[in-house]
């Protein structure tokens, strides 16, 4: 769902990150991944899927190159819902993440730890960081990061949140 839901206010990358962190802090179990809870804790309007399966989501353009998408679905045969939040490139496919990196990965990690989450890195081939896993009783999160830009080694190493999943 990549278009803004009716009534969803314009937000910035930093604002939507703050709303996501507020939502995460409000979750006590997977059962909280419902449309009413997400609306109440993010202030965002969501659209229910037309097929009636309980899925819902929202999204909006943040600037010419970036949008965000947030959706919740229950995969077939699963007993738990899954939230997926993503910053998506919708313009220049090589656009730096600067507009959506106001709250970078380090900020998210500090906030999650203050909420009682424990985290550890997951590595792929050749020792490349793949994603971070965070968990606390009843909830697990994965955060996929990307370097802010290829402009300099410092910006390559400055990790921004690209995708976040919650189960």
N, C-alpha and C. Protein backbone atom coordinates (compact mmCIF):
# COMPACT_ATOMS: atom_id res chain seq x y z
N UNK A 1 0.85 -1.16 0.00
CA UNK A 1 0.00 0.00 0.00
C UNK A 1 0.89 1.22 0.00
N UNK A 2 1.11 1.78 -1.14
CA UNK A 2 2.09 2.84 -1.24
C UNK A 2 1.48 4.22 -1.40
N UNK A 3 0.19 4.34 -1.32
CA UNK A 3 -0.40 5.66 -1.39
C UNK A 3 -0.95 6.03 -0.03
N UNK A 4 -1.03 7.33 0.21
CA UNK A 4 -1.48 7.80 1.52
C UNK A 4 -2.94 7.43 1.74
N UNK A 5 -3.22 6.95 2.92
CA UNK A 5 -4.60 6.69 3.30
C UNK A 5 -5.30 8.02 3.52
N UNK A 6 -6.58 8.05 3.24
CA UNK A 6 -7.37 9.26 3.42
C UNK A 6 -7.22 9.76 4.85
N UNK A 7 -6.90 11.04 5.01
CA UNK A 7 -6.80 11.63 6.33
C UNK A 7 -5.42 11.52 6.95
N UNK A 8 -4.48 10.83 6.32
CA UNK A 8 -3.14 10.72 6.87
C UNK A 8 -2.40 12.02 6.63
N UNK A 9 -1.89 12.65 7.69
CA UNK A 9 -1.19 13.92 7.53
C UNK A 9 0.17 13.71 6.86
N UNK A 10 0.68 14.79 6.25
CA UNK A 10 2.03 14.72 5.67
C UNK A 10 3.03 14.57 6.80
N UNK A 11 3.96 13.67 6.65
CA UNK A 11 4.97 13.44 7.67
C UNK A 11 6.35 13.47 7.04
N UNK A 12 7.36 13.67 7.88
CA UNK A 12 8.76 13.61 7.45
C UNK A 12 9.32 12.24 7.83
N UNK A 13 10.50 11.93 7.34
CA UNK A 13 11.16 10.69 7.71
C UNK A 13 11.38 10.59 9.21
N UNK A 14 11.81 11.69 9.84
CA UNK A 14 12.03 11.68 11.28
C UNK A 14 10.71 11.50 12.03
N UNK A 15 9.67 12.18 11.56
CA UNK A 15 8.37 12.07 12.22
C UNK A 15 7.83 10.65 12.15
N UNK A 16 7.90 10.02 10.99
CA UNK A 16 7.37 8.66 10.88
C UNK A 16 8.20 7.70 11.72
N UNK A 17 9.50 7.93 11.84
CA UNK A 17 10.34 7.09 12.71
C UNK A 17 9.91 7.26 14.17
N UNK A 18 9.66 8.48 14.60
CA UNK A 18 9.19 8.70 15.98
C UNK A 18 7.86 7.98 16.22
N UNK A 19 6.97 8.03 15.24
CA UNK A 19 5.68 7.34 15.36
C UNK A 19 5.87 5.83 15.44
N UNK A 20 6.81 5.30 14.67
CA UNK A 20 7.08 3.85 14.72
C UNK A 20 7.63 3.46 16.08
N UNK A 21 8.55 4.26 16.61
CA UNK A 21 9.10 3.95 17.93
C UNK A 21 8.03 4.04 19.01
N UNK A 22 7.12 5.01 18.90
CA UNK A 22 6.01 5.11 19.85
C UNK A 22 5.14 3.85 19.76
N UNK A 23 4.85 3.42 18.54
CA UNK A 23 4.06 2.20 18.35
C UNK A 23 4.76 1.00 18.98
N UNK A 24 6.03 0.83 18.68
CA UNK A 24 6.78 -0.31 19.21
C UNK A 24 6.74 -0.30 20.74
N UNK A 25 6.93 0.87 21.34
CA UNK A 25 6.91 0.98 22.80
C UNK A 25 5.56 0.61 23.39
N UNK A 26 4.49 0.76 22.61
CA UNK A 26 3.14 0.47 23.10
C UNK A 26 2.76 -1.00 22.99
N UNK A 27 3.53 -1.77 22.25
CA UNK A 27 3.17 -3.18 22.00
C UNK A 27 3.48 -4.05 23.21
N UNK A 28 2.50 -4.83 23.62
CA UNK A 28 2.72 -5.78 24.71
C UNK A 28 2.73 -7.21 24.20
N UNK A 29 2.11 -7.43 23.04
CA UNK A 29 2.10 -8.76 22.42
C UNK A 29 1.76 -8.61 20.94
N UNK A 30 1.84 -9.70 20.23
CA UNK A 30 1.50 -9.70 18.81
C UNK A 30 0.04 -9.32 18.58
N UNK A 31 -0.82 -9.57 19.55
CA UNK A 31 -2.25 -9.24 19.42
C UNK A 31 -2.47 -7.73 19.26
N UNK A 32 -1.49 -6.91 19.68
CA UNK A 32 -1.60 -5.46 19.52
C UNK A 32 -1.39 -5.00 18.08
N UNK A 33 -0.99 -5.90 17.20
CA UNK A 33 -0.80 -5.53 15.79
C UNK A 33 -2.15 -5.56 15.08
N UNK A 34 -3.03 -4.65 15.49
CA UNK A 34 -4.34 -4.51 14.87
C UNK A 34 -4.55 -3.06 14.46
N UNK A 35 -5.51 -2.83 13.59
CA UNK A 35 -5.70 -1.50 13.00
C UNK A 35 -5.99 -0.44 14.06
N UNK A 36 -6.83 -0.73 15.03
CA UNK A 36 -7.15 0.26 16.06
C UNK A 36 -5.93 0.66 16.86
N UNK A 37 -5.13 -0.32 17.26
CA UNK A 37 -3.92 -0.04 18.05
C UNK A 37 -2.93 0.79 17.23
N UNK A 38 -2.72 0.41 15.98
CA UNK A 38 -1.78 1.15 15.14
C UNK A 38 -2.26 2.58 14.93
N UNK A 39 -3.54 2.77 14.65
CA UNK A 39 -4.09 4.13 14.51
C UNK A 39 -3.86 4.96 15.77
N UNK A 40 -4.21 4.37 16.90
CA UNK A 40 -4.14 5.09 18.18
C UNK A 40 -2.71 5.50 18.53
N UNK A 41 -1.74 4.66 18.23
CA UNK A 41 -0.38 4.93 18.67
C UNK A 41 0.52 5.59 17.62
N UNK A 42 0.04 5.68 16.39
CA UNK A 42 0.82 6.40 15.36
C UNK A 42 0.14 7.68 14.91
N UNK A 43 -1.17 7.76 15.12
CA UNK A 43 -1.92 8.91 14.60
C UNK A 43 -2.14 8.84 13.11
N UNK A 44 -1.85 7.70 12.50
CA UNK A 44 -2.00 7.53 11.06
C UNK A 44 -3.29 6.77 10.76
N UNK A 45 -3.97 7.20 9.71
CA UNK A 45 -5.13 6.45 9.24
C UNK A 45 -4.63 5.27 8.41
N UNK A 46 -5.30 4.15 8.56
CA UNK A 46 -4.93 2.96 7.80
C UNK A 46 -6.11 2.53 6.96
N UNK A 47 -5.81 1.82 5.89
CA UNK A 47 -6.84 1.26 5.03
C UNK A 47 -6.89 -0.24 5.24
N UNK A 48 -8.10 -0.75 5.46
CA UNK A 48 -8.26 -2.20 5.57
C UNK A 48 -8.26 -2.80 4.18
N UNK A 49 -7.68 -3.97 4.02
CA UNK A 49 -7.65 -4.65 2.73
C UNK A 49 -9.07 -4.99 2.29
N UNK A 50 -9.33 -4.83 1.03
CA UNK A 50 -10.66 -5.06 0.47
C UNK A 50 -11.08 -6.54 0.55
N UNK A 51 -10.12 -7.45 0.64
CA UNK A 51 -10.46 -8.87 0.65
C UNK A 51 -10.95 -9.38 2.00
N UNK A 52 -10.95 -8.50 3.02
CA UNK A 52 -11.49 -8.87 4.32
C UNK A 52 -10.64 -9.80 5.15
N UNK A 53 -9.36 -9.95 4.79
CA UNK A 53 -8.50 -10.88 5.54
C UNK A 53 -7.89 -10.26 6.81
N UNK A 54 -8.24 -9.01 7.10
CA UNK A 54 -7.72 -8.35 8.30
C UNK A 54 -6.44 -7.57 8.06
N UNK A 55 -5.87 -7.68 6.88
CA UNK A 55 -4.66 -6.92 6.57
C UNK A 55 -5.02 -5.44 6.46
N UNK A 56 -4.05 -4.60 6.76
CA UNK A 56 -4.26 -3.16 6.64
C UNK A 56 -2.92 -2.48 6.46
N UNK A 57 -2.96 -1.22 6.05
CA UNK A 57 -1.72 -0.50 5.88
C UNK A 57 -1.94 0.95 5.55
N UNK A 58 -0.84 1.64 5.43
CA UNK A 58 -0.81 3.04 5.06
C UNK A 58 0.56 3.34 4.46
N UNK A 59 0.67 4.47 3.85
CA UNK A 59 1.94 4.91 3.28
C UNK A 59 1.77 6.28 2.68
N UNK A 60 2.87 6.94 2.43
CA UNK A 60 2.81 8.28 1.84
C UNK A 60 4.17 8.64 1.26
N UNK A 61 4.12 9.56 0.33
CA UNK A 61 5.33 10.13 -0.23
C UNK A 61 5.90 11.10 0.79
N UNK A 62 7.20 11.02 1.06
CA UNK A 62 7.86 11.91 2.00
C UNK A 62 8.53 13.08 1.30
N UNK A 63 9.11 12.81 0.15
CA UNK A 63 9.75 13.82 -0.69
C UNK A 63 9.83 13.22 -2.09
N UNK A 64 10.42 13.89 -3.06
CA UNK A 64 10.41 13.33 -4.43
C UNK A 64 11.07 11.95 -4.57
N UNK A 65 11.99 11.61 -3.67
CA UNK A 65 12.71 10.35 -3.79
C UNK A 65 12.29 9.27 -2.81
N UNK A 66 11.58 9.62 -1.76
CA UNK A 66 11.30 8.67 -0.68
C UNK A 66 9.83 8.63 -0.29
N UNK A 67 9.38 7.43 0.05
CA UNK A 67 8.06 7.23 0.63
C UNK A 67 8.22 6.24 1.78
N UNK A 68 7.15 6.07 2.53
CA UNK A 68 7.15 5.01 3.53
C UNK A 68 5.92 4.15 3.32
N UNK A 69 6.02 2.91 3.73
CA UNK A 69 4.91 1.96 3.69
C UNK A 69 4.88 1.25 5.03
N UNK A 70 3.68 1.08 5.57
CA UNK A 70 3.48 0.34 6.79
C UNK A 70 2.29 -0.56 6.55
N UNK A 71 2.47 -1.85 6.70
CA UNK A 71 1.32 -2.73 6.55
C UNK A 71 1.44 -3.91 7.50
N UNK A 72 0.27 -4.43 7.85
CA UNK A 72 0.18 -5.57 8.75
C UNK A 72 -0.64 -6.64 8.05
N UNK A 73 -0.14 -7.85 8.10
CA UNK A 73 -0.81 -8.98 7.46
C UNK A 73 -0.63 -10.21 8.35
N UNK A 74 -1.46 -11.17 8.16
CA UNK A 74 -1.29 -12.46 8.83
C UNK A 74 -1.03 -13.48 7.73
N UNK A 75 0.23 -13.91 7.59
CA UNK A 75 0.54 -14.89 6.54
C UNK A 75 -0.33 -16.14 6.67
N UNK A 76 -0.70 -16.70 5.54
CA UNK A 76 -1.55 -17.90 5.50
C UNK A 76 -0.98 -18.99 6.39
N UNK A 77 -1.83 -19.56 7.21
CA UNK A 77 -1.42 -20.65 8.08
C UNK A 77 -0.72 -20.21 9.35
N UNK A 78 -0.50 -18.92 9.53
CA UNK A 78 0.19 -18.41 10.72
C UNK A 78 -0.82 -17.96 11.77
N UNK A 79 -0.40 -17.98 13.01
CA UNK A 79 -1.26 -17.53 14.10
C UNK A 79 -0.90 -16.12 14.55
N UNK A 80 0.19 -15.58 14.01
CA UNK A 80 0.64 -14.26 14.40
C UNK A 80 0.59 -13.31 13.20
N UNK A 81 0.34 -12.06 13.51
CA UNK A 81 0.40 -11.02 12.48
C UNK A 81 1.84 -10.56 12.31
N UNK A 82 2.10 -9.95 11.18
CA UNK A 82 3.44 -9.43 10.88
C UNK A 82 3.30 -8.00 10.39
N UNK A 83 4.01 -7.08 11.03
CA UNK A 83 4.06 -5.68 10.60
C UNK A 83 5.33 -5.49 9.80
N UNK A 84 5.20 -4.83 8.66
CA UNK A 84 6.36 -4.48 7.85
C UNK A 84 6.33 -2.98 7.62
N UNK A 85 7.42 -2.33 7.98
CA UNK A 85 7.59 -0.89 7.77
C UNK A 85 8.81 -0.72 6.89
N UNK A 86 8.70 0.13 5.87
CA UNK A 86 9.78 0.26 4.90
C UNK A 86 9.87 1.69 4.40
N UNK A 87 11.10 2.19 4.30
CA UNK A 87 11.36 3.42 3.55
C UNK A 87 11.69 2.97 2.13
N UNK A 88 10.96 3.47 1.14
CA UNK A 88 11.13 3.02 -0.24
C UNK A 88 11.59 4.16 -1.14
N UNK A 89 12.53 3.85 -2.01
CA UNK A 89 12.94 4.83 -3.02
C UNK A 89 11.88 4.85 -4.12
N UNK A 90 11.32 6.02 -4.35
CA UNK A 90 10.27 6.15 -5.36
C UNK A 90 10.68 7.09 -6.48
N UNK A 91 11.84 7.69 -6.34
CA UNK A 91 12.36 8.59 -7.38
C UNK A 91 13.71 8.05 -7.81
N UNK A 92 14.74 8.84 -7.58
CA UNK A 92 16.11 8.47 -7.91
C UNK A 92 16.49 7.22 -7.12
N UNK A 93 16.74 6.12 -7.80
CA UNK A 93 17.03 4.85 -7.14
C UNK A 93 18.38 4.82 -6.44
N UNK A 94 19.19 5.85 -6.63
CA UNK A 94 20.45 5.95 -5.90
C UNK A 94 20.43 7.11 -4.91
N UNK A 95 19.24 7.61 -4.62
CA UNK A 95 19.11 8.74 -3.69
C UNK A 95 19.68 8.38 -2.33
N UNK A 96 20.43 9.30 -1.70
CA UNK A 96 20.92 9.03 -0.36
C UNK A 96 19.76 8.91 0.63
N UNK A 97 19.99 8.23 1.73
CA UNK A 97 18.95 8.03 2.74
C UNK A 97 18.81 9.22 3.69
N UNK A 98 19.57 10.26 3.48
CA UNK A 98 19.57 11.41 4.39
C UNK A 98 18.17 11.88 4.77
N UNK A 99 17.21 12.03 3.85
CA UNK A 99 15.89 12.52 4.24
C UNK A 99 15.11 11.58 5.18
N UNK A 100 15.48 10.31 5.23
CA UNK A 100 14.77 9.37 6.08
C UNK A 100 15.65 8.85 7.22
N UNK A 101 16.79 9.49 7.42
CA UNK A 101 17.76 9.02 8.41
C UNK A 101 17.91 10.01 9.56
N UNK A 102 16.92 10.87 9.77
CA UNK A 102 16.98 11.80 10.89
C UNK A 102 17.10 11.07 12.21
N UNK A 103 16.40 9.94 12.32
CA UNK A 103 16.59 9.03 13.46
C UNK A 103 17.26 7.79 12.88
N UNK A 104 18.56 7.71 13.07
CA UNK A 104 19.33 6.63 12.45
C UNK A 104 19.20 5.33 13.25
N UNK A 105 19.90 4.29 12.79
CA UNK A 105 19.83 3.00 13.45
C UNK A 105 20.26 3.09 14.90
N UNK A 106 21.31 3.85 15.20
CA UNK A 106 21.79 3.97 16.58
C UNK A 106 20.69 4.53 17.48
N UNK A 107 19.92 5.49 16.98
CA UNK A 107 18.81 6.05 17.75
C UNK A 107 17.76 4.97 18.01
N UNK A 108 17.38 4.25 16.96
CA UNK A 108 16.41 3.15 17.13
C UNK A 108 16.93 2.14 18.16
N UNK A 109 18.19 1.74 18.05
CA UNK A 109 18.75 0.73 18.94
C UNK A 109 18.71 1.20 20.40
N UNK A 110 19.08 2.46 20.65
CA UNK A 110 19.02 2.99 22.02
C UNK A 110 17.59 2.97 22.55
N UNK A 111 16.65 3.41 21.71
CA UNK A 111 15.24 3.43 22.13
C UNK A 111 14.73 2.02 22.41
N UNK A 112 15.05 1.08 21.54
CA UNK A 112 14.59 -0.29 21.74
C UNK A 112 15.17 -0.89 23.02
N UNK A 113 16.43 -0.62 23.29
CA UNK A 113 17.05 -1.12 24.52
C UNK A 113 16.38 -0.51 25.74
N UNK A 114 16.01 0.78 25.66
CA UNK A 114 15.33 1.41 26.80
C UNK A 114 13.92 0.84 26.99
N UNK A 115 13.36 0.21 25.95
CA UNK A 115 12.04 -0.43 26.03
C UNK A 115 12.14 -1.90 26.48
N UNK A 116 13.36 -2.35 26.77
CA UNK A 116 13.53 -3.72 27.24
C UNK A 116 13.88 -4.74 26.18
N UNK A 117 14.16 -4.29 24.96
CA UNK A 117 14.55 -5.21 23.89
C UNK A 117 16.04 -5.52 23.99
N UNK A 118 16.38 -6.76 23.69
CA UNK A 118 17.78 -7.18 23.55
C UNK A 118 18.04 -7.33 22.07
N UNK A 119 19.24 -6.93 21.62
CA UNK A 119 19.52 -6.98 20.20
C UNK A 119 20.86 -7.60 19.89
N UNK A 120 20.93 -8.21 18.71
CA UNK A 120 22.20 -8.73 18.20
C UNK A 120 22.18 -8.70 16.68
N UNK A 121 23.37 -8.60 16.13
CA UNK A 121 23.53 -8.51 14.68
C UNK A 121 23.49 -9.89 14.04
N UNK A 122 23.01 -9.93 12.80
CA UNK A 122 23.01 -11.15 12.01
C UNK A 122 23.82 -10.85 10.75
N UNK A 123 24.82 -11.69 10.50
CA UNK A 123 25.73 -11.44 9.40
C UNK A 123 25.50 -12.41 8.24
N UNK A 124 25.78 -11.93 7.05
CA UNK A 124 25.65 -12.72 5.83
C UNK A 124 27.06 -13.11 5.35
N UNK A 125 27.16 -13.42 4.09
CA UNK A 125 28.42 -13.85 3.52
C UNK A 125 29.52 -12.80 3.71
N UNK A 126 30.73 -13.27 3.86
CA UNK A 126 31.92 -12.42 3.98
C UNK A 126 31.83 -11.44 5.14
N UNK A 127 31.07 -11.78 6.18
CA UNK A 127 30.97 -10.94 7.36
C UNK A 127 30.15 -9.67 7.17
N UNK A 128 29.38 -9.61 6.09
CA UNK A 128 28.55 -8.43 5.81
C UNK A 128 27.35 -8.42 6.75
N UNK A 129 27.09 -7.27 7.38
CA UNK A 129 25.92 -7.12 8.23
C UNK A 129 24.66 -7.30 7.39
N UNK A 130 23.79 -8.20 7.79
CA UNK A 130 22.53 -8.42 7.07
C UNK A 130 21.41 -7.64 7.74
N UNK A 131 21.23 -7.86 9.04
CA UNK A 131 20.18 -7.16 9.78
C UNK A 131 20.43 -7.31 11.27
N UNK A 132 19.63 -6.63 12.06
CA UNK A 132 19.67 -6.74 13.51
C UNK A 132 18.40 -7.40 13.99
N UNK A 133 18.51 -8.29 14.97
CA UNK A 133 17.38 -8.93 15.62
C UNK A 133 17.21 -8.32 17.01
N UNK A 134 16.00 -7.94 17.35
CA UNK A 134 15.69 -7.44 18.69
C UNK A 134 14.52 -8.25 19.21
N UNK A 135 14.51 -8.53 20.50
CA UNK A 135 13.38 -9.27 21.07
C UNK A 135 13.18 -8.89 22.53
N UNK A 136 11.95 -9.06 22.94
CA UNK A 136 11.56 -9.03 24.35
C UNK A 136 10.38 -9.98 24.44
N UNK A 137 9.97 -10.32 25.61
CA UNK A 137 8.92 -11.31 25.79
C UNK A 137 7.73 -11.04 24.87
N UNK A 138 7.43 -12.01 24.01
CA UNK A 138 6.25 -11.94 23.15
C UNK A 138 6.42 -11.18 21.85
N UNK A 139 7.55 -10.54 21.63
CA UNK A 139 7.75 -9.76 20.39
C UNK A 139 9.15 -9.95 19.85
N UNK A 140 9.24 -9.99 18.52
CA UNK A 140 10.55 -9.99 17.88
C UNK A 140 10.54 -8.98 16.74
N UNK A 141 11.66 -8.30 16.57
CA UNK A 141 11.82 -7.30 15.51
C UNK A 141 13.07 -7.63 14.72
N UNK A 142 13.03 -7.28 13.45
CA UNK A 142 14.23 -7.32 12.62
C UNK A 142 14.35 -5.93 12.01
N UNK A 143 15.56 -5.41 12.02
CA UNK A 143 15.82 -4.12 11.39
C UNK A 143 16.91 -4.31 10.35
N UNK A 144 16.59 -3.95 9.11
CA UNK A 144 17.54 -3.98 8.01
C UNK A 144 18.04 -2.56 7.80
N UNK A 145 19.35 -2.41 7.70
CA UNK A 145 19.95 -1.09 7.60
C UNK A 145 20.63 -0.90 6.26
N UNK A 146 20.88 0.35 5.94
CA UNK A 146 21.60 0.72 4.73
C UNK A 146 22.45 1.94 5.07
N UNK A 147 23.60 2.06 4.45
CA UNK A 147 24.43 3.24 4.65
C UNK A 147 23.73 4.48 4.14
N UNK A 148 23.97 5.62 4.78
CA UNK A 148 23.27 6.85 4.42
C UNK A 148 23.50 7.22 2.96
N UNK A 149 24.74 7.13 2.49
CA UNK A 149 25.03 7.42 1.08
C UNK A 149 26.41 6.88 0.74
N UNK A 150 26.75 6.92 -0.52
CA UNK A 150 28.09 6.48 -0.95
C UNK A 150 29.03 7.67 -1.08
N UNK A 151 28.64 8.80 -0.54
CA UNK A 151 29.39 10.05 -0.64
C UNK A 151 30.77 10.00 0.01
N UNK A 152 30.87 9.28 1.14
CA UNK A 152 32.14 9.20 1.86
C UNK A 152 32.13 7.93 2.71
N UNK A 153 33.31 7.48 3.16
CA UNK A 153 33.33 6.31 4.05
C UNK A 153 32.49 6.51 5.31
N UNK A 154 32.49 7.71 5.85
CA UNK A 154 31.69 7.99 7.06
C UNK A 154 30.20 7.82 6.77
N UNK A 155 29.75 8.29 5.62
CA UNK A 155 28.32 8.18 5.29
C UNK A 155 27.95 6.75 4.90
N UNK A 156 28.88 6.02 4.31
CA UNK A 156 28.64 4.60 4.02
C UNK A 156 28.44 3.85 5.33
N UNK A 157 29.23 4.19 6.35
CA UNK A 157 29.17 3.52 7.64
C UNK A 157 28.08 4.03 8.57
N UNK A 158 27.41 5.12 8.19
CA UNK A 158 26.32 5.65 9.01
C UNK A 158 25.05 4.88 8.66
N UNK A 159 24.63 3.99 9.53
CA UNK A 159 23.51 3.10 9.23
C UNK A 159 22.17 3.75 9.48
N UNK A 160 21.32 3.66 8.46
CA UNK A 160 19.96 4.17 8.50
C UNK A 160 19.01 2.97 8.46
N UNK A 161 17.84 3.12 9.08
CA UNK A 161 16.84 2.06 9.06
C UNK A 161 16.17 2.06 7.69
N UNK A 162 16.21 0.93 7.01
CA UNK A 162 15.57 0.79 5.70
C UNK A 162 14.24 0.05 5.85
N UNK A 163 14.26 -1.09 6.56
CA UNK A 163 13.06 -1.91 6.73
C UNK A 163 13.04 -2.45 8.15
N UNK A 164 11.84 -2.52 8.70
CA UNK A 164 11.64 -3.03 10.05
C UNK A 164 10.45 -4.00 10.02
N UNK A 165 10.62 -5.16 10.61
CA UNK A 165 9.50 -6.11 10.71
C UNK A 165 9.28 -6.43 12.18
N UNK A 166 8.01 -6.66 12.53
CA UNK A 166 7.65 -7.01 13.90
C UNK A 166 6.72 -8.22 13.84
N UNK A 167 7.02 -9.20 14.69
CA UNK A 167 6.14 -10.38 14.81
C UNK A 167 5.91 -10.67 16.28
